[in-house]
Amino acid sequence: MENKPMSLLLIEDDEFECKKFKSYVETLNNVKLVGITNSSDKGIEYFKTYLPEAIILDIELHKGQGSGIEFIENI
């Protein structure tokens, strides 16, 4: 059986936090970051395209578009 990395989507509007998170994930062998966005609409596109196993979701996207709640409602 192949040991496939867990696919992960990050929806976050703080650019610094996104960079820190991406740098950390790149050190892991068992996690693959399939997308980073600050938009609930783009998050839905990533979700439909990649079907990630996990999502880290910012509820309030002050510096982005939409909200985490909108994302949840639309998936």
Protein backbone atom coordinates (compact mmCIF):
# COMPACT_ATOMS: atom_id res chain seq x y z
CA MET A 1 0.00 0.00 0.00
CA GLU A 2 1.30 3.43 -1.01
CA ASN A 3 1.80 5.98 1.77
CA LYS A 4 0.15 9.02 0.12
CA PRO A 5 0.54 12.43 1.79
CA MET A 6 -2.56 14.03 3.30
CA SER A 7 -3.90 16.81 1.04
CA LEU A 8 -4.50 20.11 2.80
CA LEU A 9 -6.19 23.39 1.77
CA LEU A 10 -5.48 26.67 3.59
CA ILE A 11 -8.01 29.50 3.46
CA GLU A 12 -6.46 32.45 5.30
CA ASP A 13 -6.19 36.19 4.65
CA ASP A 14 -3.04 36.95 6.66
CA GLU A 15 -0.21 36.74 4.12
CA PHE A 16 2.49 36.36 6.80
CA GLU A 17 0.66 33.44 8.42
CA CYS A 18 0.23 31.80 5.00
CA LYS A 19 3.95 32.03 4.32
CA LYS A 20 4.80 30.60 7.76
CA PHE A 21 2.33 27.75 7.32
CA LYS A 22 3.56 26.95 3.80
CA SER A 23 7.18 26.89 4.99
CA TYR A 24 6.25 24.51 7.79
CA VAL A 25 4.25 22.17 5.55
CA GLU A 26 7.18 21.98 3.12
CA THR A 27 9.22 20.35 5.92
CA LEU A 28 6.68 17.52 6.25
CA ASN A 29 6.71 14.36 4.14
CA ASN A 30 3.18 13.29 4.98
CA VAL A 31 1.30 16.50 4.07
CA LYS A 32 0.78 18.16 0.67
CA LEU A 33 -0.58 21.69 0.46
CA VAL A 34 -2.96 21.76 -2.54
CA GLY A 35 -3.87 25.43 -2.31
CA ILE A 36 -3.70 28.69 -0.41
CA THR A 37 -6.26 31.45 -0.89
CA ASN A 38 -7.84 34.41 0.87
CA SER A 39 -11.11 33.96 -1.01
CA SER A 40 -14.06 31.74 -0.11
CA ASP A 41 -14.95 31.43 -3.83
CA LYS A 42 -11.42 30.36 -4.78
CA GLY A 43 -11.46 28.00 -1.80
CA ILE A 44 -14.54 26.31 -3.25
CA GLU A 45 -12.75 25.94 -6.60
CA TYR A 46 -9.75 24.33 -4.86
CA PHE A 47 -12.09 22.10 -2.86
CA LYS A 48 -13.89 20.85 -5.98
CA THR A 49 -10.65 20.35 -7.91
CA TYR A 50 -8.49 18.67 -5.25
CA LEU A 51 -10.98 17.24 -2.70
CA PRO A 52 -8.56 17.90 0.18
CA GLU A 53 -8.59 15.62 3.18
CA ALA A 54 -8.27 18.59 5.54
CA ILE A 55 -8.99 22.31 5.42
CA ILE A 56 -7.59 25.01 7.67
CA LEU A 57 -10.16 27.78 7.50
CA ASP A 58 -10.12 31.37 8.72
CA ILE A 59 -13.70 32.25 9.63
CA GLU A 60 -13.31 36.00 9.03
CA LEU A 61 -11.45 36.93 5.83
CA HIS A 62 -11.03 40.66 6.55
CA LYS A 63 -8.25 41.09 3.97
CA GLY A 64 -9.78 38.66 1.50
CA GLN A 65 -13.07 37.93 -0.19
CA GLY A 66 -16.05 36.26 1.44
CA SER A 67 -15.80 34.41 4.74
CA GLY A 68 -15.13 30.99 6.13
CA ILE A 69 -18.82 30.66 6.93
CA GLU A 70 -19.70 31.31 3.26
CA PHE A 71 -17.20 28.65 2.27
CA ILE A 72 -18.81 26.09 4.60
CA GLU A 73 -22.31 26.98 3.46
CA ASN A 74 -21.36 26.55 -0.19
CA ILE A 75 -19.56 23.24 -0.02
